[in-house]
Amino acid sequence: MRNEQKLLAAAAEMFLEAGVDAPIREIAARAGVGTGTIYRNFPTRADLVIAVYKVQVEACAEAGPSLLAARESAFEALEEWVDLFVDFLVTKHGLAHAMQSDMSGFEALHAYFLERLVPVCGDLLTAATKADEVVSDIKPLELMRGIGNLCITREGDPTYNPRHLVDLLLRGLQAH
């Protein structure tokens, strides 16, 4: 179990740096294990990608209630959660390509993502709406899709900053 956690942490770091096609031997080296250990725990690259993705989805899902409890403003909690969500999204470049060999796995992963994160976003929006901090006519999935679309970067454009546009989107949600 400890090796699995080390592998998932190392894979997450490598995926952030090099995308989901990061060499398995480099992930193993970073985790301090042999490549055989990776393949015993995760027989395919898709298995490893799915495991990392699920850990990150869970971290994002668990952050929502924690932020809501810890912040004075529900809108501040929403902003911080959206920032974590953006971090999550911008590290997923290449995910669809890695999953092409197992499209059913990708569909299941997407369903898992929606099942875990849409309710969290909904709770944050509901709290901010009840506090009269945001307008009440946006649905959680609409907000998440909007953020997701803003996070799709154009290759070769290092000047593109999705955070700026996501910030503008959030400012547009604020009740005035």
Protein backbone atom coordinates (compact mmCIF):
# COMPACT_ATOMS: atom_id res chain seq x y z
CA MET A 1 0.00 0.00 0.00
CA ARG A 2 2.84 2.38 0.86
CA ASN A 3 4.49 1.70 -2.53
CA GLU A 4 1.18 2.39 -4.24
CA GLN A 5 0.89 5.79 -2.54
CA LYS A 6 4.49 6.63 -3.47
CA LEU A 7 3.80 5.58 -7.06
CA LEU A 8 0.63 7.66 -7.29
CA ALA A 9 2.38 10.73 -5.88
CA ALA A 10 5.33 10.30 -8.25
CA ALA A 11 3.03 9.70 -11.22
CA ALA A 12 0.97 12.80 -10.39
CA GLU A 13 4.15 14.90 -10.29
CA MET A 14 5.43 13.45 -13.56
CA PHE A 15 2.05 13.88 -15.27
CA LEU A 16 2.08 17.53 -14.21
CA GLU A 17 5.57 18.03 -15.61
CA ALA A 18 5.48 15.85 -18.71
CA GLY A 19 1.87 14.86 -19.30
CA VAL A 20 0.30 11.42 -18.98
CA ASP A 21 2.80 9.96 -21.45
CA ALA A 22 5.64 10.42 -18.94
CA PRO A 23 8.04 7.46 -19.11
CA ILE A 24 7.16 4.68 -16.66
CA ARG A 25 10.83 4.18 -15.76
CA GLU A 26 11.07 7.85 -14.70
CA ILE A 27 7.93 7.54 -12.57
CA ALA A 28 9.40 4.42 -10.95
CA ALA A 29 12.72 6.17 -10.32
CA ARG A 30 10.99 9.15 -8.73
CA ALA A 31 8.98 6.80 -6.50
CA GLY A 32 12.14 4.88 -5.59
CA VAL A 33 10.83 1.56 -6.93
CA GLY A 34 11.46 -0.65 -9.93
CA THR A 35 9.27 -0.62 -13.02
CA GLY A 36 8.04 -4.09 -12.09
CA THR A 37 6.42 -2.60 -8.99
CA ILE A 38 4.46 -0.18 -11.16
CA TYR A 39 3.25 -2.96 -13.44
CA ARG A 40 2.28 -5.17 -10.47
CA ASN A 41 0.12 -2.36 -9.09
CA PHE A 42 -0.99 -0.87 -12.42
CA PRO A 43 -0.80 -3.38 -15.31
CA THR A 44 -1.41 -0.70 -17.96
CA ARG A 45 -0.69 3.00 -18.31
CA ALA A 46 -4.44 3.57 -18.35
CA ASP A 47 -4.71 1.87 -14.94
CA LEU A 48 -2.07 4.23 -13.54
CA VAL A 49 -3.69 7.30 -15.10
CA ILE A 50 -7.11 6.31 -13.73
CA ALA A 51 -5.70 5.78 -10.24
CA VAL A 52 -3.95 9.17 -10.21
CA TYR A 53 -7.04 10.85 -11.62
CA LYS A 54 -9.29 9.31 -8.94
CA VAL A 55 -6.99 10.43 -6.12
CA GLN A 56 -7.03 13.95 -7.51
CA VAL A 57 -10.81 13.95 -7.97
CA GLU A 58 -11.20 12.86 -4.35
CA ALA A 59 -8.88 15.61 -3.13
CA CYS A 60 -10.90 18.20 -5.06
CA ALA A 61 -14.18 16.75 -3.80
CA GLU A 62 -13.02 16.73 -0.18
CA ALA A 63 -11.73 20.30 -0.40
CA GLY A 64 -15.19 21.78 -1.04
CA PRO A 65 -16.77 21.11 2.36
CA SER A 66 -13.50 21.94 4.14
CA LEU A 67 -13.22 25.30 2.42
CA LEU A 68 -16.88 26.09 3.07
CA ALA A 69 -16.41 25.39 6.79
CA ALA A 70 -13.16 27.34 7.04
CA ARG A 71 -14.01 30.53 5.14
CA GLU A 72 -16.14 33.43 6.33
CA SER A 73 -17.55 33.90 2.86
CA ALA A 74 -19.11 31.16 0.77
CA PHE A 75 -17.91 33.03 -2.32
CA GLU A 76 -14.32 32.88 -1.03
CA ALA A 77 -14.73 29.13 -0.55
CA LEU A 78 -16.10 28.85 -4.09
CA GLU A 79 -13.18 30.88 -5.47
CA GLU A 80 -10.62 28.70 -3.71
CA TRP A 81 -12.35 25.52 -4.81
CA VAL A 82 -12.49 26.75 -8.40
CA ASP A 83 -8.75 27.46 -8.19
CA LEU A 84 -8.16 23.84 -7.13
CA PHE A 85 -10.49 22.68 -9.90
CA VAL A 86 -8.50 24.71 -12.45
CA ASP A 87 -5.25 23.17 -11.14
CA PHE A 88 -6.83 19.77 -11.60
CA LEU A 89 -8.03 20.52 -15.13
CA VAL A 90 -4.84 22.05 -16.48
CA THR A 91 -2.85 18.99 -15.44
CA LYS A 92 -5.03 16.61 -17.46
CA HIS A 93 -3.58 17.31 -20.90
CA GLY A 94 -3.21 14.07 -22.76
CA LEU A 95 -5.70 12.17 -20.61
CA ALA A 96 -8.07 11.41 -23.48
CA HIS A 97 -5.15 10.20 -25.62
CA ALA A 98 -3.90 7.91 -22.85
CA MET A 99 -7.36 6.45 -22.48
CA GLN A 100 -8.02 5.84 -26.18
CA SER A 101 -7.13 2.19 -25.83
CA ASP A 102 -9.90 1.84 -23.26
CA MET A 103 -12.72 4.22 -24.11
CA SER A 104 -15.05 2.51 -21.63
CA GLY A 105 -12.51 3.37 -18.93
CA PHE A 106 -12.54 6.99 -20.02
CA GLU A 107 -16.34 7.09 -19.97
CA ALA A 108 -16.38 5.56 -16.49
CA LEU A 109 -13.75 8.06 -15.35
CA HIS A 110 -15.77 10.97 -16.70
CA ALA A 111 -18.90 9.67 -14.94
CA TYR A 112 -16.91 9.35 -11.70
CA PHE A 113 -15.62 12.91 -12.12
CA LEU A 114 -19.16 14.25 -12.55
CA GLU A 115 -20.59 12.13 -9.74
CA ARG A 116 -18.00 13.39 -7.25
CA LEU A 117 -17.47 17.02 -8.27
CA VAL A 118 -20.83 18.35 -9.50
CA PRO A 119 -22.47 17.97 -6.05
CA VAL A 120 -19.52 19.72 -4.39
CA CYS A 121 -19.74 22.61 -6.83
CA GLY A 122 -23.50 22.66 -6.25
CA ASP A 123 -23.09 22.90 -2.48
CA LEU A 124 -20.66 25.79 -2.86
CA LEU A 125 -22.97 27.60 -5.28
CA THR A 126 -25.98 27.02 -3.01
CA ALA A 127 -24.14 28.42 0.01
CA ALA A 128 -22.96 31.45 -1.95
CA THR A 129 -26.47 31.99 -3.32
CA LYS A 130 -28.04 31.77 0.15
CA ALA A 131 -25.49 34.34 1.34
CA ASP A 132 -26.51 36.61 -1.57
CA GLU A 133 -22.95 36.49 -2.87
CA VAL A 134 -23.72 35.06 -6.33
CA VAL A 135 -26.60 35.14 -8.76
CA SER A 136 -28.85 32.14 -8.45
CA ASP A 137 -29.41 31.11 -12.05
CA ILE A 138 -26.28 29.07 -12.76
CA LYS A 139 -26.20 25.33 -12.40
CA PRO A 140 -23.08 23.55 -11.09
CA LEU A 141 -22.47 21.61 -14.30
CA GLU A 142 -22.80 24.80 -16.36
CA LEU A 143 -20.16 26.49 -14.22
CA MET A 144 -17.84 23.49 -14.38
CA ARG A 145 -18.22 23.21 -18.16
CA GLY A 146 -17.54 26.92 -18.54
CA ILE A 147 -14.40 26.64 -16.43
CA GLY A 148 -13.36 23.50 -18.31
CA ASN A 149 -13.78 25.21 -21.65
CA LEU A 150 -11.69 28.16 -20.47
CA CYS A 151 -8.94 25.77 -19.37
CA ILE A 152 -8.56 24.27 -22.82
CA THR A 153 -5.40 25.94 -24.01
CA ARG A 154 -4.19 26.40 -27.52
CA GLU A 155 -0.93 24.63 -28.08
CA GLY A 156 1.86 27.00 -28.91
CA ASP A 157 0.29 29.94 -27.06
CA PRO A 158 2.27 30.39 -23.86
CA THR A 159 0.51 33.71 -23.21
CA TYR A 160 -2.88 32.09 -22.68
CA ASN A 161 -3.85 32.26 -19.00
CA PRO A 162 -7.08 30.44 -18.19
CA ARG A 163 -7.03 31.73 -14.61
CA HIS A 164 -7.64 35.29 -15.78
CA LEU A 165 -10.71 34.25 -17.74
CA VAL A 166 -11.99 32.00 -14.95
CA ASP A 167 -11.63 34.96 -12.57
CA LEU A 168 -13.71 37.08 -14.95
CA LEU A 169 -16.35 34.34 -15.06
CA LEU A 170 -16.53 34.24 -11.26
CA ARG A 171 -16.75 38.03 -11.04
CA GLY A 172 -19.70 37.84 -13.43
CA LEU A 173 -21.46 35.46 -11.02
CA GLN A 174 -21.20 37.81 -8.08
CA ALA A 175 -24.42 39.42 -6.91
CA HIS A 176 -24.18 43.19 -7.03
